[in-house]
Amino acid sequence: MWFRSGNEVSHRQWRDVLGELKVQRATIDVPTLRVCAAEVGVTDLFEKAQLAASCG
């Protein structure tokens, strides 16, 4: 939400999100995060971050 509200321009915030997804890959509860992302209107960013984290 913070990244979105800042017009999606903070490379630091995006890098932090990707880092968390990479580090927590084995234990992250993706279904729950999907629900939370939908509730706050950032499903598109969550899906984009998941793709980016799995490729890098």
C-alpha atoms as a PDB file:
ATOM      1  CA  MET A   1       0.000   0.000   0.000  1.00  0.00           C
ATOM      2  CA  TRP A   2       2.853   2.367   0.841  1.00  0.00           C
ATOM      3  CA  PHE A   3       4.492   1.727  -2.531  1.00  0.00           C
ATOM      4  CA  ARG A   4       1.185   2.322  -4.321  1.00  0.00           C
ATOM      5  CA  SER A   5       0.390   5.495  -2.386  1.00  0.00           C
ATOM      6  CA  GLY A   6       3.843   6.823  -3.306  1.00  0.00           C
ATOM      7  CA  ASN A   7       3.042   6.470  -7.030  1.00  0.00           C
ATOM      8  CA  GLU A   8       5.067   3.242  -7.239  1.00  0.00           C
ATOM      9  CA  VAL A   9       8.376   5.051  -7.621  1.00  0.00           C
ATOM     10  CA  SER A  10      10.362   3.971  -4.548  1.00  0.00           C
ATOM     11  CA  HIS A  11      12.974   1.480  -5.673  1.00  0.00           C
ATOM     12  CA  ARG A  12      13.888   0.890  -2.030  1.00  0.00           C
ATOM     13  CA  GLN A  13      10.339  -0.159  -1.092  1.00  0.00           C
ATOM     14  CA  TRP A  14      10.039  -2.433  -4.121  1.00  0.00           C
ATOM     15  CA  ARG A  15      13.445  -4.003  -3.396  1.00  0.00           C
ATOM     16  CA  ASP A  16      12.386  -4.580   0.215  1.00  0.00           C
ATOM     17  CA  VAL A  17       9.193  -6.357  -0.861  1.00  0.00           C
ATOM     18  CA  LEU A  18      11.079  -8.569  -3.304  1.00  0.00           C
ATOM     19  CA  GLY A  19      13.701  -9.338  -0.672  1.00  0.00           C
ATOM     20  CA  GLU A  20      11.079 -10.463   1.821  1.00  0.00           C
ATOM     21  CA  LEU A  21       9.384 -12.656  -0.758  1.00  0.00           C
ATOM     22  CA  LYS A  22      12.711 -14.268  -1.649  1.00  0.00           C
ATOM     23  CA  VAL A  23      13.879 -14.798   1.941  1.00  0.00           C
ATOM     24  CA  GLN A  24      10.500 -16.063   3.166  1.00  0.00           C
ATOM     25  CA  ARG A  25       9.742 -18.135   0.056  1.00  0.00           C
ATOM     26  CA  ALA A  26       9.617 -21.465   1.926  1.00  0.00           C
ATOM     27  CA  THR A  27       7.361 -20.266   4.731  1.00  0.00           C
ATOM     28  CA  ILE A  28       5.251 -17.523   3.177  1.00  0.00           C
ATOM     29  CA  ASP A  29       1.481 -18.066   3.210  1.00  0.00           C
ATOM     30  CA  VAL A  30       0.680 -17.019  -0.345  1.00  0.00           C
ATOM     31  CA  PRO A  31      -3.086 -17.676  -0.199  1.00  0.00           C
ATOM     32  CA  THR A  32      -3.447 -15.457   2.865  1.00  0.00           C
ATOM     33  CA  LEU A  33      -1.301 -12.727   1.324  1.00  0.00           C
ATOM     34  CA  ARG A  34      -3.440 -12.865  -1.824  1.00  0.00           C
ATOM     35  CA  VAL A  35      -6.562 -12.281   0.260  1.00  0.00           C
ATOM     36  CA  CYS A  36      -4.918  -9.417   2.135  1.00  0.00           C
ATOM     37  CA  ALA A  37      -3.663  -7.871  -1.100  1.00  0.00           C
ATOM     38  CA  ALA A  38      -7.174  -8.018  -2.561  1.00  0.00           C
ATOM     39  CA  GLU A  39      -8.653  -6.418   0.546  1.00  0.00           C
ATOM     40  CA  VAL A  40      -6.375  -3.393   0.223  1.00  0.00           C
ATOM     41  CA  GLY A  41      -6.436  -3.207  -3.576  1.00  0.00           C
ATOM     42  CA  VAL A  42      -2.888  -4.256  -4.418  1.00  0.00           C
ATOM     43  CA  THR A  43      -3.440  -7.675  -5.970  1.00  0.00           C
ATOM     44  CA  ASP A  44      -1.723  -6.580  -9.162  1.00  0.00           C
ATOM     45  CA  LEU A  45       1.374  -5.491  -7.241  1.00  0.00           C
ATOM     46  CA  PHE A  46       1.439  -8.706  -5.240  1.00  0.00           C
ATOM     47  CA  GLU A  47       1.310 -10.821  -8.386  1.00  0.00           C
ATOM     48  CA  LYS A  48       3.973  -8.657 -10.041  1.00  0.00           C
ATOM     49  CA  ALA A  49       6.205  -8.954  -6.959  1.00  0.00           C
ATOM     50  CA  GLN A  50       5.803 -12.721  -6.828  1.00  0.00           C
ATOM     51  CA  LEU A  51       6.893 -13.009 -10.454  1.00  0.00           C
ATOM     52  CA  ALA A  52       9.826 -10.649  -9.973  1.00  0.00           C
ATOM     53  CA  ALA A  53      10.976 -12.423  -6.787  1.00  0.00           C
ATOM     54  CA  SER A  54      10.925 -15.843  -8.438  1.00  0.00           C
ATOM     55  CA  CYS A  55      12.958 -14.643 -11.421  1.00  0.00           C
ATOM     56  CA  GLY A  56      15.722 -12.866  -9.587  1.00  0.00           C
END
